[in-house]
């Protein structure tokens, strides 16, 4: 397949295609999230998030997304979902929390939506 065959994916509302451009855009954010593989890094972040953002040279969009603990904003700021899972885990955000963010509804409403879909 050629790159042009994937162009239709870029027009899906609410979807950020993680491509080379997004990877470069989110390099610092992803590097920060990767650091959370180490417990002492998680502790350092939780003690002073703002300093940690500066340590990894996050831009303002990335900092805002992290402050909001909003995975979709982080993806739009170049975050890769595999690295962001470490960030989400620190704040006890599970897959249903992220699903609720993606659909713009509460976690409880999202759970109910899943229950109904299973009927």
PDB file of N, CA and C in Angstrom:
ATOM      1  N   UNK A   1       0.839  -1.188   0.000  1.00  0.00           N
ATOM      2  CA  UNK A   1       0.000   0.000   0.000  1.00  0.00           C
ATOM      3  C   UNK A   1       0.880   1.246   0.000  1.00  0.00           C
ATOM      4  N   UNK A   2       0.355   2.270  -0.578  1.00  0.00           N
ATOM      5  CA  UNK A   2       1.070   3.532  -0.592  1.00  0.00           C
ATOM      6  C   UNK A   2       0.505   4.445   0.490  1.00  0.00           C
ATOM      7  N   UNK A   3       1.243   5.481   0.835  1.00  0.00           N
ATOM      8  CA  UNK A   3       0.787   6.425   1.858  1.00  0.00           C
ATOM      9  C   UNK A   3      -0.534   7.061   1.475  1.00  0.00           C
ATOM     10  N   UNK A   4      -0.751   7.310   0.198  1.00  0.00           N
ATOM     11  CA  UNK A   4      -1.994   7.959  -0.228  1.00  0.00           C
ATOM     12  C   UNK A   4      -3.218   7.078   0.023  1.00  0.00           C
ATOM     13  N   UNK A   5      -3.029   5.769   0.100  1.00  0.00           N
ATOM     14  CA  UNK A   5      -4.145   4.876   0.375  1.00  0.00           C
ATOM     15  C   UNK A   5      -4.619   4.988   1.822  1.00  0.00           C
ATOM     16  N   UNK A   6      -3.806   5.576   2.677  1.00  0.00           N
ATOM     17  CA  UNK A   6      -4.174   5.762   4.073  1.00  0.00           C
ATOM     18  C   UNK A   6      -4.792   7.133   4.334  1.00  0.00           C
ATOM     19  N   UNK A   7      -4.833   7.993   3.342  1.00  0.00           N
ATOM     20  CA  UNK A   7      -5.322   9.358   3.528  1.00  0.00           C
ATOM     21  C   UNK A   7      -6.744   9.405   4.071  1.00  0.00           C
ATOM     22  N   UNK A   8      -7.582   8.443   3.731  1.00  0.00           N
ATOM     23  CA  UNK A   8      -8.969   8.473   4.196  1.00  0.00           C
ATOM     24  C   UNK A   8      -9.044   8.388   5.722  1.00  0.00           C
ATOM     25  N   UNK A   9      -8.032   7.839   6.379  1.00  0.00           N
ATOM     26  CA  UNK A   9      -8.031   7.742   7.839  1.00  0.00           C
ATOM     27  C   UNK A   9      -7.881   9.102   8.512  1.00  0.00           C
ATOM     28  N   UNK A  10      -7.278  10.039   7.838  1.00  0.00           N
ATOM     29  CA  UNK A  10      -7.033  11.340   8.453  1.00  0.00           C
ATOM     30  C   UNK A  10      -8.300  12.175   8.569  1.00  0.00           C
ATOM     31  N   UNK A  11      -9.388  11.740   7.968  1.00  0.00           N
ATOM     32  CA  UNK A  11     -10.614  12.527   8.011  1.00  0.00           C
ATOM     33  C   UNK A  11     -11.668  11.934   8.951  1.00  0.00           C
ATOM     34  N   UNK A  12     -11.297  10.943   9.743  1.00  0.00           N
ATOM     35  CA  UNK A  12     -12.239  10.363  10.693  1.00  0.00           C
ATOM     36  C   UNK A  12     -12.362  11.339  11.865  1.00  0.00           C
ATOM     37  N   UNK A  13     -13.543  11.899  12.095  1.00  0.00           N
ATOM     38  CA  UNK A  13     -13.704  12.891  13.165  1.00  0.00           C
ATOM     39  C   UNK A  13     -13.251  12.341  14.516  1.00  0.00           C
ATOM     40  N   UNK A  14     -12.477  13.134  15.209  1.00  0.00           N
ATOM     41  CA  UNK A  14     -12.009  12.757  16.536  1.00  0.00           C
ATOM     42  C   UNK A  14     -10.834  11.796  16.547  1.00  0.00           C
ATOM     43  N   UNK A  15     -10.300  11.478  15.377  1.00  0.00           N
ATOM     44  CA  UNK A  15      -9.193  10.526  15.292  1.00  0.00           C
ATOM     45  C   UNK A  15      -7.907  11.240  14.911  1.00  0.00           C
ATOM     46  N   UNK A  16      -6.879  10.998  15.695  1.00  0.00           N
ATOM     47  CA  UNK A  16      -5.550  11.515  15.371  1.00  0.00           C
ATOM     48  C   UNK A  16      -4.724  10.355  14.851  1.00  0.00           C
ATOM     49  N   UNK A  17      -4.274  10.442  13.629  1.00  0.00           N
ATOM     50  CA  UNK A  17      -3.444   9.409  13.026  1.00  0.00           C
ATOM     51  C   UNK A  17      -2.026   9.559  13.555  1.00  0.00           C
ATOM     52  N   UNK A  18      -1.504   8.522  14.181  1.00  0.00           N
ATOM     53  CA  UNK A  18      -0.131   8.573  14.680  1.00  0.00           C
ATOM     54  C   UNK A  18       0.804   8.158  13.560  1.00  0.00           C
ATOM     55  N   UNK A  19       1.424   9.169  12.969  1.00  0.00           N
ATOM     56  CA  UNK A  19       2.339   8.946  11.854  1.00  0.00           C
ATOM     57  C   UNK A  19       3.699   9.546  12.209  1.00  0.00           C
ATOM     58  N   UNK A  20       4.564   9.636  11.253  1.00  0.00           N
ATOM     59  CA  UNK A  20       5.897  10.176  11.501  1.00  0.00           C
ATOM     60  C   UNK A  20       5.870  11.603  12.018  1.00  0.00           C
ATOM     61  N   UNK A  21       4.967  12.407  11.478  1.00  0.00           N
ATOM     62  CA  UNK A  21       4.857  13.801  11.925  1.00  0.00           C
ATOM     63  C   UNK A  21       4.432  13.863  13.391  1.00  0.00           C
ATOM     64  N   UNK A  22       3.436  13.044  13.757  1.00  0.00           N
ATOM     65  CA  UNK A  22       2.981  13.010  15.147  1.00  0.00           C
ATOM     66  C   UNK A  22       4.083  12.476  16.062  1.00  0.00           C
ATOM     67  N   UNK A  23       4.834  11.501  15.578  1.00  0.00           N
ATOM     68  CA  UNK A  23       5.921  10.926  16.371  1.00  0.00           C
ATOM     69  C   UNK A  23       6.969  11.987  16.692  1.00  0.00           C
ATOM     70  N   UNK A  24       7.311  12.801  15.704  1.00  0.00           N
ATOM     71  CA  UNK A  24       8.291  13.874  15.942  1.00  0.00           C
ATOM     72  C   UNK A  24       7.703  14.927  16.871  1.00  0.00           C
ATOM     73  N   UNK A  25       6.442  15.263  16.659  1.00  0.00           N
ATOM     74  CA  UNK A  25       5.759  16.258  17.485  1.00  0.00           C
ATOM     75  C   UNK A  25       5.728  15.821  18.948  1.00  0.00           C
ATOM     76  N   UNK A  26       5.527  14.533  19.193  1.00  0.00           N
ATOM     77  CA  UNK A  26       5.361  14.046  20.553  1.00  0.00           C
ATOM     78  C   UNK A  26       6.589  13.412  21.173  1.00  0.00           C
ATOM     79  N   UNK A  27       7.731  13.557  20.527  1.00  0.00           N
ATOM     80  CA  UNK A  27       8.936  12.874  21.008  1.00  0.00           C
ATOM     81  C   UNK A  27       9.191  13.124  22.490  1.00  0.00           C
ATOM     82  N   UNK A  28       9.180  14.374  22.908  1.00  0.00           N
ATOM     83  CA  UNK A  28       9.492  14.709  24.306  1.00  0.00           C
ATOM     84  C   UNK A  28       8.423  14.151  25.254  1.00  0.00           C
ATOM     85  N   UNK A  29       7.171  14.262  24.871  1.00  0.00           N
ATOM     86  CA  UNK A  29       6.078  13.732  25.687  1.00  0.00           C
ATOM     87  C   UNK A  29       6.206  12.219  25.840  1.00  0.00           C
ATOM     88  N   UNK A  30       6.474  11.541  24.755  1.00  0.00           N
ATOM     89  CA  UNK A  30       6.607  10.088  24.802  1.00  0.00           C
ATOM     90  C   UNK A  30       7.840   9.665  25.595  1.00  0.00           C
ATOM     91  N   UNK A  31       8.904  10.440  25.459  1.00  0.00           N
ATOM     92  CA  UNK A  31      10.114  10.165  26.231  1.00  0.00           C
ATOM     93  C   UNK A  31       9.820  10.304  27.731  1.00  0.00           C
ATOM     94  N   UNK A  32       9.047  11.336  28.095  1.00  0.00           N
ATOM     95  CA  UNK A  32       8.678  11.525  29.494  1.00  0.00           C
ATOM     96  C   UNK A  32       7.864  10.327  29.986  1.00  0.00           C
ATOM     97  N   UNK A  33       6.845   9.937  29.219  1.00  0.00           N
ATOM     98  CA  UNK A  33       5.998   8.816  29.638  1.00  0.00           C
ATOM     99  C   UNK A  33       6.793   7.518  29.716  1.00  0.00           C
ATOM    100  N   UNK A  34       7.741   7.338  28.832  1.00  0.00           N
ATOM    101  CA  UNK A  34       8.587   6.145  28.878  1.00  0.00           C
ATOM    102  C   UNK A  34       9.386   6.099  30.179  1.00  0.00           C
ATOM    103  N   UNK A  35       9.759   7.258  30.677  1.00  0.00           N
ATOM    104  CA  UNK A  35      10.537   7.305  31.914  1.00  0.00           C
ATOM    105  C   UNK A  35       9.778   6.712  33.094  1.00  0.00           C
ATOM    106  N   UNK A  36       8.449   6.659  32.988  1.00  0.00           N
ATOM    107  CA  UNK A  36       7.632   6.147  34.088  1.00  0.00           C
ATOM    108  C   UNK A  36       7.744   4.631  34.269  1.00  0.00           C
ATOM    109  N   UNK A  37       8.567   3.982  33.456  1.00  0.00           N
ATOM    110  CA  UNK A  37       8.872   2.571  33.672  1.00  0.00           C
ATOM    111  C   UNK A  37       9.644   2.381  34.973  1.00  0.00           C
ATOM    112  N   UNK A  38      10.237   3.454  35.471  1.00  0.00           N
ATOM    113  CA  UNK A  38      11.051   3.414  36.685  1.00  0.00           C
ATOM    114  C   UNK A  38      10.272   4.080  37.819  1.00  0.00           C
ATOM    115  N   UNK A  39      10.145   3.382  38.934  1.00  0.00           N
ATOM    116  CA  UNK A  39       9.357   3.882  40.066  1.00  0.00           C
ATOM    117  C   UNK A  39       9.842   5.237  40.560  1.00  0.00           C
ATOM    118  N   UNK A  40      11.151   5.452  40.604  1.00  0.00           N
ATOM    119  CA  UNK A  40      11.668   6.736  41.100  1.00  0.00           C
ATOM    120  C   UNK A  40      11.268   7.889  40.184  1.00  0.00           C
ATOM    121  N   UNK A  41      11.130   7.623  38.885  1.00  0.00           N
ATOM    122  CA  UNK A  41      10.682   8.660  37.944  1.00  0.00           C
ATOM    123  C   UNK A  41       9.217   9.002  38.201  1.00  0.00           C
ATOM    124  N   UNK A  42       8.412   7.995  38.459  1.00  0.00           N
ATOM    125  CA  UNK A  42       6.999   8.248  38.784  1.00  0.00           C
ATOM    126  C   UNK A  42       6.893   9.089  40.053  1.00  0.00           C
ATOM    127  N   UNK A  43       7.696   8.759  41.056  1.00  0.00           N
ATOM    128  CA  UNK A  43       7.694   9.521  42.308  1.00  0.00           C
ATOM    129  C   UNK A  43       8.135  10.962  42.075  1.00  0.00           C
ATOM    130  N   UNK A  44       9.179  11.133  41.256  1.00  0.00           N
ATOM    131  CA  UNK A  44       9.673  12.481  40.947  1.00  0.00           C
ATOM    132  C   UNK A  44       8.594  13.299  40.248  1.00  0.00           C
ATOM    133  N   UNK A  45       7.905  12.693  39.292  1.00  0.00           N
ATOM    134  CA  UNK A  45       6.831  13.387  38.580  1.00  0.00           C
ATOM    135  C   UNK A  45       5.722  13.784  39.548  1.00  0.00           C
ATOM    136  N   UNK A  46       5.273  12.844  40.346  1.00  0.00           N
ATOM    137  CA  UNK A  46       4.158  13.116  41.249  1.00  0.00           C
ATOM    138  C   UNK A  46       4.501  14.181  42.286  1.00  0.00           C
ATOM    139  N   UNK A  47       5.772  14.280  42.656  1.00  0.00           N
ATOM    140  CA  UNK A  47       6.206  15.291  43.630  1.00  0.00           C
ATOM    141  C   UNK A  47       6.200  16.694  43.038  1.00  0.00           C
ATOM    142  N   UNK A  48       6.502  16.821  41.734  1.00  0.00           N
ATOM    143  CA  UNK A  48       6.579  18.142  41.105  1.00  0.00           C
ATOM    144  C   UNK A  48       6.390  18.019  39.588  1.00  0.00           C
ATOM    145  N   UNK A  49       5.139  17.870  39.153  1.00  0.00           N
ATOM    146  CA  UNK A  49       4.890  17.684  37.720  1.00  0.00           C
ATOM    147  C   UNK A  49       5.458  18.796  36.840  1.00  0.00           C
ATOM    148  N   UNK A  50       5.333  20.046  37.276  1.00  0.00           N
ATOM    149  CA  UNK A  50       5.793  21.159  36.433  1.00  0.00           C
ATOM    150  C   UNK A  50       7.289  21.077  36.150  1.00  0.00           C
ATOM    151  N   UNK A  51       8.068  20.745  37.168  1.00  0.00           N
ATOM    152  CA  UNK A  51       9.510  20.589  36.959  1.00  0.00           C
ATOM    153  C   UNK A  51       9.803  19.422  36.031  1.00  0.00           C
ATOM    154  N   UNK A  52       8.998  18.380  36.154  1.00  0.00           N
ATOM    155  CA  UNK A  52       9.194  17.216  35.296  1.00  0.00           C
ATOM    156  C   UNK A  52       8.883  17.551  33.844  1.00  0.00           C
ATOM    157  N   UNK A  53       7.842  18.361  33.619  1.00  0.00           N
ATOM    158  CA  UNK A  53       7.538  18.809  32.253  1.00  0.00           C
ATOM    159  C   UNK A  53       8.717  19.579  31.680  1.00  0.00           C
ATOM    160  N   UNK A  54       9.288  20.454  32.491  1.00  0.00           N
ATOM    161  CA  UNK A  54      10.424  21.248  32.031  1.00  0.00           C
ATOM    162  C   UNK A  54      11.647  20.369  31.785  1.00  0.00           C
ATOM    163  N   UNK A  55      11.853  19.390  32.640  1.00  0.00           N
ATOM    164  CA  UNK A  55      12.986  18.466  32.487  1.00  0.00           C
ATOM    165  C   UNK A  55      12.956  17.802  31.109  1.00  0.00           C
ATOM    166  N   UNK A  56      11.747  17.488  30.639  1.00  0.00           N
ATOM    167  CA  UNK A  56      11.612  16.822  29.344  1.00  0.00           C
ATOM    168  C   UNK A  56      11.267  17.787  28.204  1.00  0.00           C
ATOM    169  N   UNK A  57      11.260  19.080  28.513  1.00  0.00           N
ATOM    170  CA  UNK A  57      11.053  20.129  27.505  1.00  0.00           C
ATOM    171  C   UNK A  57       9.714  19.992  26.768  1.00  0.00           C
ATOM    172  N   UNK A  58       8.652  19.707  27.525  1.00  0.00           N
ATOM    173  CA  UNK A  58       7.328  19.632  26.928  1.00  0.00           C
ATOM    174  C   UNK A  58       6.875  21.014  26.494  1.00  0.00           C
ATOM    175  N   UNK A  59       6.133  21.083  25.392  1.00  0.00           N
ATOM    176  CA  UNK A  59       5.585  22.365  24.957  1.00  0.00           C
ATOM    177  C   UNK A  59       4.293  22.635  25.738  1.00  0.00           C
ATOM    178  N   UNK A  60       3.718  23.792  25.550  1.00  0.00           N
ATOM    179  CA  UNK A  60       2.546  24.189  26.341  1.00  0.00           C
ATOM    180  C   UNK A  60       1.332  23.287  26.098  1.00  0.00           C
ATOM    181  N   UNK A  61       1.120  22.857  24.859  1.00  0.00           N
ATOM    182  CA  UNK A  61      -0.001  21.950  24.579  1.00  0.00           C
ATOM    183  C   UNK A  61       0.176  20.629  25.319  1.00  0.00           C
ATOM    184  N   UNK A  62       1.384  20.123  25.334  1.00  0.00           N
ATOM    185  CA  UNK A  62       1.656  18.862  26.023  1.00  0.00           C
ATOM    186  C   UNK A  62       1.486  19.019  27.532  1.00  0.00           C
ATOM    187  N   UNK A  63       1.982  20.124  28.071  1.00  0.00           N
ATOM    188  CA  UNK A  63       1.822  20.378  29.512  1.00  0.00           C
ATOM    189  C   UNK A  63       0.347  20.470  29.886  1.00  0.00           C
ATOM    190  N   UNK A  64      -0.428  21.203  29.094  1.00  0.00           N
ATOM    191  CA  UNK A  64      -1.852  21.380  29.371  1.00  0.00           C
ATOM    192  C   UNK A  64      -2.570  20.028  29.337  1.00  0.00           C
ATOM    193  N   UNK A  65      -2.259  19.211  28.346  1.00  0.00           N
ATOM    194  CA  UNK A  65      -2.888  17.895  28.235  1.00  0.00           C
ATOM    195  C   UNK A  65      -2.554  17.032  29.452  1.00  0.00           C
ATOM    196  N   UNK A  66      -1.315  17.098  29.908  1.00  0.00           N
ATOM    197  CA  UNK A  66      -0.906  16.330  31.093  1.00  0.00           C
ATOM    198  C   UNK A  66      -1.606  16.859  32.337  1.00  0.00           C
ATOM    199  N   UNK A  67      -1.661  18.168  32.473  1.00  0.00           N
ATOM    200  CA  UNK A  67      -2.354  18.760  33.631  1.00  0.00           C
ATOM    201  C   UNK A  67      -3.817  18.329  33.669  1.00  0.00           C
ATOM    202  N   UNK A  68      -4.432  18.252  32.492  1.00  0.00           N
ATOM    203  CA  UNK A  68      -5.838  17.864  32.392  1.00  0.00           C
ATOM    204  C   UNK A  68      -6.037  16.356  32.533  1.00  0.00           C
ATOM    205  N   UNK A  69      -4.939  15.613  32.496  1.00  0.00           N
ATOM    206  CA  UNK A  69      -4.991  14.142  32.533  1.00  0.00           C
ATOM    207  C   UNK A  69      -5.936  13.623  31.452  1.00  0.00           C
ATOM    208  N   UNK A  70      -5.843  14.255  30.283  1.00  0.00           N
ATOM    209  CA  UNK A  70      -6.734  13.920  29.178  1.00  0.00           C
ATOM    210  C   UNK A  70      -5.942  13.216  28.083  1.00  0.00           C
ATOM    211  N   UNK A  71      -6.169  11.930  27.960  1.00  0.00           N
ATOM    212  CA  UNK A  71      -5.414  11.119  27.015  1.00  0.00           C
ATOM    213  C   UNK A  71      -5.627  11.576  25.575  1.00  0.00           C
ATOM    214  N   UNK A  72      -6.843  11.971  25.206  1.00  0.00           N
ATOM    215  CA  UNK A  72      -7.080  12.438  23.835  1.00  0.00           C
ATOM    216  C   UNK A  72      -6.286  13.700  23.525  1.00  0.00           C
ATOM    217  N   UNK A  73      -6.213  14.616  24.487  1.00  0.00           N
ATOM    218  CA  UNK A  73      -5.397  15.823  24.291  1.00  0.00           C
ATOM    219  C   UNK A  73      -3.927  15.449  24.148  1.00  0.00           C
ATOM    220  N   UNK A  74      -3.505  14.462  24.928  1.00  0.00           N
ATOM    221  CA  UNK A  74      -2.110  14.030  24.851  1.00  0.00           C
ATOM    222  C   UNK A  74      -1.813  13.384  23.498  1.00  0.00           C
ATOM    223  N   UNK A  75      -2.764  12.621  22.979  1.00  0.00           N
ATOM    224  CA  UNK A  75      -2.587  12.026  21.653  1.00  0.00           C
ATOM    225  C   UNK A  75      -2.504  13.133  20.602  1.00  0.00           C
ATOM    226  N   UNK A  76      -3.374  14.121  20.697  1.00  0.00           N
ATOM    227  CA  UNK A  76      -3.346  15.250  19.752  1.00  0.00           C
ATOM    228  C   UNK A  76      -2.028  16.012  19.849  1.00  0.00           C
ATOM    229  N   UNK A  77      -1.399  15.984  21.034  1.00  0.00           N
ATOM    230  CA  UNK A  77      -0.128  16.680  21.243  1.00  0.00           C
ATOM    231  C   UNK A  77       1.066  15.806  20.857  1.00  0.00           C
ATOM    232  N   UNK A  78       0.781  14.657  20.227  1.00  0.00           N
ATOM    233  CA  UNK A  78       1.852  13.795  19.729  1.00  0.00           C
ATOM    234  C   UNK A  78       2.100  12.554  20.555  1.00  0.00           C
ATOM    235  N   UNK A  79       1.283  12.336  21.567  1.00  0.00           N
ATOM    236  CA  UNK A  79       1.484  11.170  22.425  1.00  0.00           C
ATOM    237  C   UNK A  79       1.116   9.868  21.738  1.00  0.00           C
ATOM    238  N   UNK A  80       1.874   8.843  22.035  1.00  0.00           N
ATOM    239  CA  UNK A  80       1.606   7.498  21.540  1.00  0.00           C
ATOM    240  C   UNK A  80       0.897   6.739  22.651  1.00  0.00           C
ATOM    241  N   UNK A  81      -0.216   6.110  22.345  1.00  0.00           N
ATOM    242  CA  UNK A  81      -1.048   5.466  23.354  1.00  0.00           C
ATOM    243  C   UNK A  81      -0.259   4.450  24.176  1.00  0.00           C
ATOM    244  N   UNK A  82       0.725   3.794  23.614  1.00  0.00           N
ATOM    245  CA  UNK A  82       1.494   2.803  24.356  1.00  0.00           C
ATOM    246  C   UNK A  82       2.325   3.452  25.455  1.00  0.00           C
ATOM    247  N   UNK A  83       2.863   4.624  25.189  1.00  0.00           N
ATOM    248  CA  UNK A  83       3.612   5.346  26.216  1.00  0.00           C
ATOM    249  C   UNK A  83       2.663   6.032  27.196  1.00  0.00           C
ATOM    250  N   UNK A  84       1.547   6.534  26.696  1.00  0.00           N
ATOM    251  CA  UNK A  84       0.594   7.236  27.548  1.00  0.00           C
ATOM    252  C   UNK A  84      -0.046   6.315  28.574  1.00  0.00           C
ATOM    253  N   UNK A  85      -0.057   5.030  28.315  1.00  0.00           N
ATOM    254  CA  UNK A  85      -0.635   4.083  29.273  1.00  0.00           C
ATOM    255  C   UNK A  85       0.086   4.173  30.613  1.00  0.00           C
ATOM    256  N   UNK A  86       1.379   4.421  30.600  1.00  0.00           N
ATOM    257  CA  UNK A  86       2.134   4.584  31.853  1.00  0.00           C
ATOM    258  C   UNK A  86       1.629   5.799  32.614  1.00  0.00           C
ATOM    259  N   UNK A  87       1.403   6.886  31.904  1.00  0.00           N
ATOM    260  CA  UNK A  87       0.895   8.117  32.524  1.00  0.00           C
ATOM    261  C   UNK A  87      -0.491   7.864  33.108  1.00  0.00           C
ATOM    262  N   UNK A  88      -1.364   7.280  32.314  1.00  0.00           N
ATOM    263  CA  UNK A  88      -2.733   7.025  32.760  1.00  0.00           C
ATOM    264  C   UNK A  88      -2.746   6.115  33.990  1.00  0.00           C
ATOM    265  N   UNK A  89      -1.876   5.138  34.005  1.00  0.00           N
ATOM    266  CA  UNK A  89      -1.819   4.216  35.122  1.00  0.00           C
ATOM    267  C   UNK A  89      -1.462   4.880  36.438  1.00  0.00           C
ATOM    268  N   UNK A  90      -0.623   5.890  36.396  1.00  0.00           N
ATOM    269  CA  UNK A  90      -0.249   6.595  37.622  1.00  0.00           C
ATOM    270  C   UNK A  90      -1.453   7.254  38.278  1.00  0.00           C
ATOM    271  N   UNK A  91      -2.417   7.632  37.467  1.00  0.00           N
ATOM    272  CA  UNK A  91      -3.597   8.324  37.974  1.00  0.00           C
ATOM    273  C   UNK A  91      -4.808   7.404  38.050  1.00  0.00           C
ATOM    274  N   UNK A  92      -4.533   6.105  37.950  1.00  0.00           N
ATOM    275  CA  UNK A  92      -5.593   5.093  38.067  1.00  0.00           C
ATOM    276  C   UNK A  92      -6.682   5.261  37.011  1.00  0.00           C
ATOM    277  N   UNK A  93      -6.285   5.760  35.838  1.00  0.00           N
ATOM    278  CA  UNK A  93      -7.214   5.859  34.712  1.00  0.00           C
ATOM    279  C   UNK A  93      -7.204   4.513  33.998  1.00  0.00           C
ATOM    280  N   UNK A  94      -8.368   3.900  33.864  1.00  0.00           N
ATOM    281  CA  UNK A  94      -8.433   2.620  33.171  1.00  0.00           C
ATOM    282  C   UNK A  94      -8.994   2.808  31.760  1.00  0.00           C
ATOM    283  N   UNK A  95      -9.167   1.716  31.069  1.00  0.00           N
ATOM    284  CA  UNK A  95      -9.642   1.761  29.683  1.00  0.00           C
ATOM    285  C   UNK A  95     -11.023   2.414  29.597  1.00  0.00           C
ATOM    286  N   UNK A  96     -11.849   2.196  30.607  1.00  0.00           N
ATOM    287  CA  UNK A  96     -13.179   2.805  30.588  1.00  0.00           C
ATOM    288  C   UNK A  96     -13.102   4.314  30.786  1.00  0.00           C
ATOM    289  N   UNK A  97     -12.151   4.792  31.590  1.00  0.00           N
ATOM    290  CA  UNK A  97     -11.948   6.237  31.716  1.00  0.00           C
ATOM    291  C   UNK A  97     -11.568   6.843  30.364  1.00  0.00           C
ATOM    292  N   UNK A  98     -10.654   6.179  29.670  1.00  0.00           N
ATOM    293  CA  UNK A  98     -10.211   6.676  28.362  1.00  0.00           C
ATOM    294  C   UNK A  98     -11.357   6.599  27.357  1.00  0.00           C
ATOM    295  N   UNK A  99     -12.136   5.518  27.384  1.00  0.00           N
ATOM    296  CA  UNK A  99     -13.300   5.400  26.501  1.00  0.00           C
ATOM    297  C   UNK A  99     -14.298   6.520  26.741  1.00  0.00           C
ATOM    298  N   UNK A 100     -14.496   6.861  28.008  1.00  0.00           N
ATOM    299  CA  UNK A 100     -15.404   7.966  28.337  1.00  0.00           C
ATOM    300  C   UNK A 100     -14.874   9.278  27.777  1.00  0.00           C
ATOM    301  N   UNK A 101     -13.550   9.495  27.902  1.00  0.00           N
ATOM    302  CA  UNK A 101     -12.954  10.701  27.323  1.00  0.00           C
ATOM    303  C   UNK A 101     -13.170  10.729  25.813  1.00  0.00           C
ATOM    304  N   UNK A 102     -12.982   9.589  25.171  1.00  0.00           N
ATOM    305  CA  UNK A 102     -13.107   9.521  23.718  1.00  0.00           C
ATOM    306  C   UNK A 102     -14.526   9.809  23.242  1.00  0.00           C
ATOM    307  N   UNK A 103     -15.509   9.402  24.023  1.00  0.00           N
ATOM    308  CA  UNK A 103     -16.895   9.595  23.602  1.00  0.00           C
ATOM    309  C   UNK A 103     -17.528  10.853  24.190  1.00  0.00           C
ATOM    310  N   UNK A 104     -16.815  11.519  25.096  1.00  0.00           N
ATOM    311  CA  UNK A 104     -17.320  12.765  25.668  1.00  0.00           C
ATOM    312  C   UNK A 104     -18.439  12.569  26.672  1.00  0.00           C
ATOM    313  N   UNK A 105     -18.462  11.403  27.310  1.00  0.00           N
ATOM    314  CA  UNK A 105     -19.483  11.136  28.320  1.00  0.00           C
ATOM    315  C   UNK A 105     -18.804  10.715  29.627  1.00  0.00           C
ATOM    316  N   UNK A 106     -19.584  10.617  30.682  1.00  0.00           N
ATOM    317  CA  UNK A 106     -19.016  10.197  31.962  1.00  0.00           C
ATOM    318  C   UNK A 106     -18.632   8.722  31.909  1.00  0.00           C
ATOM    319  N   UNK A 107     -17.804   8.331  32.851  1.00  0.00           N
ATOM    320  CA  UNK A 107     -17.408   6.927  32.921  1.00  0.00           C
ATOM    321  C   UNK A 107     -18.629   6.038  33.165  1.00  0.00           C
ATOM    322  N   UNK A 108     -19.527   6.480  34.037  1.00  0.00           N
ATOM    323  CA  UNK A 108     -20.721   5.686  34.323  1.00  0.00           C
ATOM    324  C   UNK A 108     -21.587   5.538  33.072  1.00  0.00           C
ATOM    325  N   UNK A 109     -21.761   6.619  32.315  1.00  0.00           N
ATOM    326  CA  UNK A 109     -22.542   6.557  31.081  1.00  0.00           C
ATOM    327  C   UNK A 109     -21.855   5.638  30.062  1.00  0.00           C
ATOM    328  N   UNK A 110     -20.522   5.689  30.031  1.00  0.00           N
ATOM    329  CA  UNK A 110     -19.780   4.821  29.117  1.00  0.00           C
ATOM    330  C   UNK A 110     -19.966   3.354  29.503  1.00  0.00           C
ATOM    331  N   UNK A 111     -19.906   3.056  30.789  1.00  0.00           N
ATOM    332  CA  UNK A 111     -20.128   1.679  31.250  1.00  0.00           C
ATOM    333  C   UNK A 111     -21.529   1.194  30.868  1.00  0.00           C
ATOM    334  N   UNK A 112     -22.512   2.057  31.037  1.00  0.00           N
ATOM    335  CA  UNK A 112     -23.880   1.703  30.677  1.00  0.00           C
ATOM    336  C   UNK A 112     -23.989   1.452  29.177  1.00  0.00           C
ATOM    337  N   UNK A 113     -23.317   2.271  28.401  1.00  0.00           N
ATOM    338  CA  UNK A 113     -23.311   2.091  26.952  1.00  0.00           C
ATOM    339  C   UNK A 113     -22.723   0.719  26.592  1.00  0.00           C
ATOM    340  N   UNK A 114     -21.658   0.322  27.274  1.00  0.00           N
ATOM    341  CA  UNK A 114     -21.063  -0.997  27.035  1.00  0.00           C
ATOM    342  C   UNK A 114     -22.016  -2.113  27.443  1.00  0.00           C
ATOM    343  N   UNK A 115     -22.690  -1.942  28.576  1.00  0.00           N
ATOM    344  CA  UNK A 115     -23.641  -2.958  29.033  1.00  0.00           C
ATOM    345  C   UNK A 115     -24.759  -3.160  27.989  1.00  0.00           C
ATOM    346  N   UNK A 116     -25.298  -2.030  27.501  1.00  0.00           N
ATOM    347  CA  UNK A 116     -26.375  -2.098  26.513  1.00  0.00           C
ATOM    348  C   UNK A 116     -25.912  -2.737  25.212  1.00  0.00           C
ATOM    349  N   UNK A 117     -24.677  -2.459  24.831  1.00  0.00           N
ATOM    350  CA  UNK A 117     -24.144  -3.032  23.605  1.00  0.00           C
ATOM    351  C   UNK A 117     -24.001  -4.552  23.719  1.00  0.00           C
ATOM    352  N   UNK A 118     -23.836  -5.026  24.950  1.00  0.00           N
ATOM    353  CA  UNK A 118     -23.705  -6.453  25.167  1.00  0.00           C
ATOM    354  C   UNK A 118     -25.022  -7.205  25.183  1.00  0.00           C
ATOM    355  N   UNK A 119     -26.121  -6.465  25.239  1.00  0.00           N
ATOM    356  CA  UNK A 119     -27.455  -7.099  25.280  1.00  0.00           C
ATOM    357  C   UNK A 119     -27.905  -7.580  23.915  1.00  0.00           C
TER     358      UNK A 119
END
